Amino acid sequence: MRIFIALDIDDAIRQSITRFLDGVRGFAPDARWVRPESLHVTLKFIGEKPADKVEEIKRSLALVKFQPFDLSFRGFGFFPTAKAARVFWIGIQSGEALTALASSVDAATASLGIPKEDHPFSPHLTLARGGDRSGAPGWRKGDTANRNFHLLQEKLAALSPSEFGTMTAQEFFLYQSELMRGGSRYTKLARFACLAPTSQAAVADSGNQAANPGQPSSTNDQ
């Protein structure tokens, strides 16, 4: 199965981004827009792994320790550059905590022979991709000037940087990604909680099981 590790985002932030998308989506009709319900903050993409390896990954991720931390969603931009844009994104600010968590996740999976990331962690929310091109932030072979986002960029230039809200990250998830007609479907396979939950119920849950697969849930990304 095809898997990745990510933070989910709060509903209030998702709703704020949805309103923003409703106002700008029409300015890039040829782009592939992400459905708001599928938005997430990727910590590490792993790729295809057999079921027994996925279970090993769950056990390794259960050992990752982190404290709750805040992250704010604000501003927008394009990867790798505005002139050669293939990804439209929302920015994320969280100090060092988010980068530290991504590094811990990377180390946990590397202990199982999964290659470590060879580029610096660049936290963002992908909103749209220009055609069938990669969503990676760095420069890729074949990146050239394109006009997928030209009209959108003109409209955004007249806007002030948007604020979409702040949330406290207290858990991350192992997801399965299934390629479906019209987009990808994401299913949460396991949950991994922080060291200091903020409620007694969460403390009890954390003490019982660090990673709780629970009932699978799915979203679709178009």
Protein backbone atom coordinates (compact mmCIF):
# COMPACT_ATOMS: atom_id res chain seq x y z
CA MET A 1 0.00 0.00 0.00
CA ARG A 2 1.03 3.61 -0.64
CA ILE A 3 1.58 5.47 2.63
CA PHE A 4 2.65 8.80 4.10
CA ILE A 5 2.81 10.51 7.50
CA ALA A 6 1.08 13.82 8.17
CA LEU A 7 -0.73 16.18 10.53
CA ASP A 8 -4.45 16.70 10.05
CA ILE A 9 -5.72 20.30 10.28
CA ASP A 10 -8.49 21.77 12.46
CA ASP A 11 -11.95 22.20 10.99
CA ALA A 12 -11.98 25.99 11.54
CA ILE A 13 -8.79 26.35 9.49
CA ARG A 14 -10.15 24.03 6.83
CA GLN A 15 -13.30 26.15 6.55
CA SER A 16 -11.26 29.35 6.27
CA ILE A 17 -9.17 27.85 3.48
CA THR A 18 -12.31 26.57 1.75
CA ARG A 19 -13.71 30.10 1.59
CA PHE A 20 -10.41 31.32 0.15
CA LEU A 21 -10.40 28.55 -2.47
CA ASP A 22 -13.96 29.34 -3.50
CA GLY A 23 -12.78 32.86 -4.36
CA VAL A 24 -9.67 31.98 -6.37
CA ARG A 25 -10.18 28.56 -7.95
CA GLY A 26 -11.74 30.00 -11.08
CA PHE A 27 -8.57 31.94 -11.92
CA ALA A 28 -6.64 28.70 -12.62
CA PRO A 29 -9.18 26.37 -14.23
CA ASP A 30 -6.56 24.06 -15.73
CA ALA A 31 -4.83 23.37 -12.40
CA ARG A 32 -5.53 20.28 -10.29
CA TRP A 33 -7.09 21.65 -7.10
CA VAL A 34 -6.95 19.76 -3.81
CA ARG A 35 -10.28 19.15 -2.14
CA PRO A 36 -10.44 20.99 1.21
CA GLU A 37 -11.33 17.79 3.09
CA SER A 38 -8.06 16.25 1.91
CA LEU A 39 -5.75 19.02 3.16
CA HIS A 40 -2.97 17.85 5.48
CA VAL A 41 0.57 18.80 6.50
CA THR A 42 2.91 16.15 5.15
CA LEU A 43 5.73 15.10 7.48
CA LYS A 44 7.10 12.34 5.27
CA PHE A 45 6.02 10.56 2.09
CA ILE A 46 7.06 6.89 2.09
CA GLY A 47 5.42 5.30 -0.94
CA GLU A 48 4.51 1.68 -1.62
CA LYS A 49 5.08 -0.79 1.23
CA PRO A 50 3.69 -4.28 1.96
CA ALA A 51 1.32 -4.79 4.88
CA ASP A 52 3.95 -6.37 7.16
CA LYS A 53 6.30 -3.41 6.64
CA VAL A 54 3.46 -1.00 7.44
CA GLU A 55 3.05 -2.71 10.81
CA GLU A 56 6.78 -2.24 11.49
CA ILE A 57 6.43 1.43 10.60
CA LYS A 58 3.52 1.81 13.04
CA ARG A 59 5.60 0.34 15.86
CA SER A 60 8.54 2.62 15.08
CA LEU A 61 6.37 5.74 14.87
CA ALA A 62 4.82 4.91 18.25
CA LEU A 63 8.24 5.65 19.77
CA VAL A 64 8.35 9.24 18.42
CA LYS A 65 8.08 11.72 21.31
CA PHE A 66 6.96 15.34 20.96
CA GLN A 67 5.24 18.07 22.92
CA PRO A 68 2.14 19.91 21.65
CA PHE A 69 3.01 22.94 19.53
CA ASP A 70 1.21 25.70 17.68
CA LEU A 71 1.29 26.21 13.94
CA SER A 72 -0.19 29.12 12.01
CA PHE A 73 -1.40 29.10 8.42
CA ARG A 74 -0.83 32.35 6.56
CA GLY A 75 0.23 33.70 3.21
CA PHE A 76 0.55 31.91 -0.12
CA GLY A 77 3.07 31.33 -2.86
CA PHE A 78 4.30 29.08 -5.66
CA PHE A 79 6.91 26.31 -6.01
CA PRO A 80 9.59 26.29 -7.28
CA THR A 81 9.29 29.93 -8.46
CA ALA A 82 6.46 32.22 -9.50
CA LYS A 83 7.59 32.14 -13.16
CA ALA A 84 7.91 28.34 -13.28
CA ALA A 85 5.02 27.66 -10.91
CA ARG A 86 3.76 24.09 -10.65
CA VAL A 87 2.46 24.21 -7.05
CA PHE A 88 0.23 26.80 -5.36
CA TRP A 89 0.58 26.64 -1.56
CA ILE A 90 -0.35 28.16 1.80
CA GLY A 91 2.50 28.88 4.21
CA ILE A 92 2.92 27.40 7.70
CA GLN A 93 4.75 28.99 10.65
CA SER A 94 5.60 26.94 13.75
CA GLY A 95 9.12 27.79 14.87
CA GLU A 96 11.37 24.74 15.20
CA ALA A 97 8.77 22.35 16.61
CA LEU A 98 7.27 21.18 13.30
CA THR A 99 10.68 20.72 11.71
CA ALA A 100 11.83 18.78 14.77
CA LEU A 101 8.82 16.46 14.53
CA ALA A 102 9.45 15.85 10.83
CA SER A 103 13.07 15.06 11.65
CA SER A 104 12.03 12.58 14.37
CA VAL A 105 9.62 10.88 11.97
CA ASP A 106 12.35 10.71 9.34
CA ALA A 107 14.76 9.13 11.84
CA ALA A 108 12.12 6.62 13.01
CA THR A 109 11.46 5.39 9.49
CA ALA A 110 15.16 5.45 8.55
CA SER A 111 15.75 2.88 11.32
CA LEU A 112 13.69 0.48 9.17
CA GLY A 113 15.76 1.09 6.04
CA ILE A 114 13.53 3.75 4.51
CA PRO A 115 15.71 6.43 2.86
CA LYS A 116 16.04 9.71 4.75
CA GLU A 117 14.95 12.96 3.15
CA ASP A 118 17.66 14.59 1.06
CA HIS A 119 16.06 18.07 1.00
CA PRO A 120 15.33 20.47 3.87
CA PHE A 121 11.83 20.18 5.31
CA SER A 122 9.57 22.87 3.80
CA PRO A 123 6.18 22.93 5.61
CA HIS A 124 3.24 24.03 3.47
CA LEU A 125 -0.28 23.11 2.41
CA THR A 126 -0.59 22.31 -1.28
CA LEU A 127 -3.72 23.88 -2.77
CA ALA A 128 -3.21 23.16 -6.46
CA ARG A 129 -0.78 21.63 -8.94
CA GLY A 130 -0.18 22.77 -12.49
CA GLY A 131 -1.33 19.77 -14.49
CA ASP A 132 0.15 16.33 -13.77
CA ARG A 133 3.40 17.67 -12.32
CA SER A 134 5.18 16.90 -9.05
CA GLY A 135 4.11 18.61 -5.85
CA ALA A 136 7.66 18.70 -4.45
CA PRO A 137 8.85 22.18 -3.43
CA GLY A 138 12.37 22.01 -4.90
CA TRP A 139 13.40 22.65 -8.47
CA ARG A 140 12.85 19.59 -10.70
CA LYS A 141 14.14 18.68 -14.15
CA GLY A 142 11.66 19.97 -16.67
CA ASP A 143 10.57 23.00 -14.63
CA THR A 144 10.08 25.77 -17.15
CA ALA A 145 8.01 28.92 -17.46
CA ASN A 146 4.30 28.08 -17.64
CA ARG A 147 1.01 29.93 -17.56
CA ASN A 148 -1.17 27.59 -15.49
CA PHE A 149 -1.25 30.11 -12.67
CA HIS A 150 -0.68 33.35 -14.59
CA LEU A 151 -4.16 34.85 -14.09
CA LEU A 152 -4.28 33.64 -10.48
CA GLN A 153 -0.96 35.34 -9.76
CA GLU A 154 -2.29 38.62 -11.16
CA LYS A 155 -5.34 38.45 -8.89
CA LEU A 156 -3.33 37.48 -5.81
CA ALA A 157 -0.92 40.39 -6.31
CA ALA A 158 -3.74 42.74 -5.34
CA LEU A 159 -4.49 40.88 -2.09
CA SER A 160 -2.90 41.23 1.34
CA PRO A 161 -1.34 38.04 2.77
CA SER A 162 -4.21 35.97 4.14
CA GLU A 163 -4.49 34.63 7.70
CA PHE A 164 -6.18 31.23 7.93
CA GLY A 165 -5.82 30.53 11.64
CA THR A 166 -3.67 28.84 14.29
CA MET A 167 -4.01 25.34 15.75
CA THR A 168 -2.25 23.21 18.34
CA ALA A 169 -0.75 19.99 16.98
CA GLN A 170 -1.23 17.16 19.46
CA GLU A 171 -1.12 14.14 17.15
CA PHE A 172 -0.02 12.91 13.76
CA PHE A 173 -1.22 10.10 11.53
CA LEU A 174 -0.06 7.35 9.22
CA TYR A 175 -2.16 7.59 6.06
CA GLN A 176 -2.83 5.28 3.15
CA SER A 177 -3.16 6.94 -0.25
CA GLU A 178 -5.22 5.16 -2.91
CA LEU A 179 -5.31 6.44 -6.48
CA MET A 180 -8.94 6.61 -7.54
CA ARG A 181 -10.81 7.94 -10.55
CA GLY A 182 -10.82 11.72 -10.14
CA GLY A 183 -8.18 11.90 -7.40
CA SER A 184 -6.63 10.16 -4.41
CA ARG A 185 -8.41 8.81 -1.35
CA TYR A 186 -6.63 9.18 2.00
CA THR A 187 -7.34 6.79 4.88
CA LYS A 188 -5.97 7.18 8.41
CA LEU A 189 -4.30 3.91 9.40
CA ALA A 190 -2.92 4.90 12.82
CA ARG A 191 -2.82 7.82 15.25
CA PHE A 192 0.22 8.89 17.30
CA ALA A 193 -0.35 11.23 20.24
CA CYS A 194 1.94 13.82 21.83
CA LEU A 195 3.57 13.46 25.26
CA ALA A 196 1.33 15.94 27.06
CA PRO A 197 -2.34 15.67 26.09
CA THR A 198 -4.52 18.51 27.30
CA SER A 199 -7.40 16.52 28.78
CA GLN A 200 -7.78 13.66 31.22
CA ALA A 201 -9.49 11.57 28.55
CA ALA A 202 -6.54 12.08 26.23
CA VAL A 203 -4.12 11.14 29.04
CA ALA A 204 -5.97 7.88 29.55
CA ASP A 205 -6.04 7.17 25.85
CA SER A 206 -2.32 7.90 25.52
CA GLY A 207 -1.53 5.59 28.38
CA ASN A 208 -3.45 2.74 26.83
CA GLN A 209 -2.01 2.95 23.34
CA ALA A 210 0.38 5.39 21.67
CA ALA A 211 -0.89 4.57 18.19
CA ASN A 212 -4.58 3.69 17.81
CA PRO A 213 -5.70 2.58 14.35
CA GLY A 214 -9.33 2.92 15.38
CA GLN A 215 -11.93 3.03 12.64
CA PRO A 216 -10.48 3.86 9.23
CA SER A 217 -11.61 7.18 7.79
CA SER A 218 -11.24 8.35 4.22
CA THR A 219 -11.07 11.59 2.28
CA ASN A 220 -10.72 12.28 -1.40
CA ASP A 221 -8.16 14.54 -3.08
CA GLN A 222 -8.91 15.72 -6.55
